[in-house]
Amino acid sequence: MSHLKPGTLCVIVGGCPENLGLIVEVVCHLGMYDGREDAYEIKTVTSRKFNQMWRGTKLVKGYSTEAITDRYKLRPLINLGDESPMAESQEKLDELTI
């Protein structure tokens, strides 16, 4: 899986059942962290606390707006088929220099 950049919006697709479908923002890529192969620090987009979080070996009501999770539990939100604004700008610059 590709690395996610800070600021990327993602939907949670795995992990704590009550967090599935939650939209989050990537804070940073941590890599190997606390037994995880590809960890990310994430935060809720709405500033609401996560519905569930692990505290030790128990699932508890969320107590934070930030968490650490595995990459495979995140799916980035993208518009398939849309070019990035940067690609459009580069095309216009290329036309001007030809």
Protein backbone atom coordinates (compact mmCIF):
# COMPACT_ATOMS: atom_id res chain seq x y z
CA MET A 1 0.00 0.00 0.00
CA SER A 2 1.15 3.52 -0.69
CA HIS A 3 2.07 5.92 2.08
CA LEU A 4 -0.56 8.51 2.98
CA LYS A 5 0.52 12.14 3.25
CA PRO A 6 -0.39 14.41 6.17
CA GLY A 7 -3.73 16.08 5.50
CA THR A 8 -5.12 13.14 3.49
CA LEU A 9 -8.74 12.42 4.32
CA CYS A 10 -9.56 8.75 4.83
CA VAL A 11 -12.46 6.53 5.81
CA ILE A 12 -11.90 3.90 8.49
CA VAL A 13 -12.58 0.45 7.02
CA GLY A 14 -11.22 -1.79 9.77
CA GLY A 15 -10.62 -1.94 13.48
CA CYS A 16 -13.06 -0.91 16.22
CA PRO A 17 -16.59 -1.64 14.92
CA GLU A 18 -18.10 1.66 16.08
CA ASN A 19 -15.45 3.64 14.18
CA LEU A 20 -16.11 2.01 10.78
CA GLY A 21 -17.08 4.64 8.22
CA LEU A 22 -15.64 7.52 10.25
CA ILE A 23 -13.83 10.17 8.20
CA VAL A 24 -10.39 11.03 9.60
CA GLU A 25 -7.36 13.08 8.60
CA VAL A 26 -3.81 11.74 8.51
CA VAL A 27 -1.59 13.66 10.95
CA CYS A 28 1.64 11.79 10.18
CA HIS A 29 3.14 8.50 9.05
CA LEU A 30 4.89 6.72 11.93
CA GLY A 31 6.10 3.59 10.13
CA MET A 32 7.00 0.79 12.53
CA TYR A 33 5.47 1.75 15.86
CA ASP A 34 4.50 -0.20 18.96
CA GLY A 35 4.28 -3.56 17.18
CA ARG A 36 2.63 -2.17 14.05
CA GLU A 37 4.35 -2.50 10.68
CA ASP A 38 2.88 0.62 9.06
CA ALA A 39 1.29 2.95 11.62
CA TYR A 40 -0.35 6.34 11.18
CA GLU A 41 -1.41 9.03 13.60
CA ILE A 42 -4.91 10.16 12.66
CA LYS A 43 -7.47 12.63 14.00
CA THR A 44 -11.19 13.03 13.62
CA VAL A 45 -12.23 15.63 11.05
CA THR A 46 -15.12 16.92 13.17
CA SER A 47 -13.08 17.25 16.39
CA ARG A 48 -15.46 14.74 18.00
CA LYS A 49 -13.91 11.90 19.97
CA PHE A 50 -13.58 8.45 18.42
CA ASN A 51 -16.54 6.17 19.22
CA GLN A 52 -14.29 3.39 20.50
CA MET A 53 -10.61 3.05 21.36
CA TRP A 54 -8.38 0.38 22.80
CA ARG A 55 -7.20 1.03 26.33
CA GLY A 56 -4.90 -1.85 27.18
CA THR A 57 -6.85 -4.97 26.24
CA LYS A 58 -10.33 -3.42 26.48
CA LEU A 59 -12.46 -1.49 24.03
CA VAL A 60 -13.75 1.64 25.73
CA LYS A 61 -15.82 4.69 24.78
CA GLY A 62 -13.60 7.10 22.85
CA TYR A 63 -11.67 9.57 24.95
CA SER A 64 -9.56 11.32 22.31
CA THR A 65 -9.77 12.97 18.90
CA GLU A 66 -6.39 11.47 17.92
CA ALA A 67 -5.36 7.84 17.57
CA ILE A 68 -2.76 5.57 16.07
CA THR A 69 -3.89 2.96 13.57
CA ASP A 70 -2.64 0.59 10.90
CA ARG A 71 -2.49 1.62 7.24
CA TYR A 72 -4.67 -1.28 6.09
CA LYS A 73 -7.57 0.11 8.17
CA LEU A 74 -7.60 3.38 6.18
CA ARG A 75 -8.88 4.08 2.67
CA PRO A 76 -8.05 7.50 1.23
CA LEU A 77 -10.92 9.58 -0.14
CA ILE A 78 -10.14 10.45 -3.74
CA ASN A 79 -12.10 11.31 -6.85
CA LEU A 80 -11.14 8.61 -9.31
CA GLY A 81 -10.56 9.97 -12.77
CA ASP A 82 -10.02 13.52 -11.59
CA GLU A 83 -6.66 15.07 -12.32
CA SER A 84 -5.01 16.97 -9.57
CA PRO A 85 -5.02 20.78 -9.85
CA MET A 86 -1.21 20.61 -10.06
CA ALA A 87 -1.41 18.51 -13.24
CA GLU A 88 -3.66 21.12 -14.88
CA SER A 89 -1.26 23.91 -13.94
CA GLN A 90 1.69 21.99 -15.36
CA GLU A 91 -0.14 21.43 -18.66
CA LYS A 92 -0.82 25.18 -18.97
CA LEU A 93 2.83 25.98 -18.28
CA ASP A 94 3.94 23.43 -20.88
CA GLU A 95 1.68 25.07 -23.49
CA LEU A 96 3.16 28.50 -22.77
CA THR A 97 6.76 27.29 -23.22
CA ILE A 98 6.18 25.44 -26.50
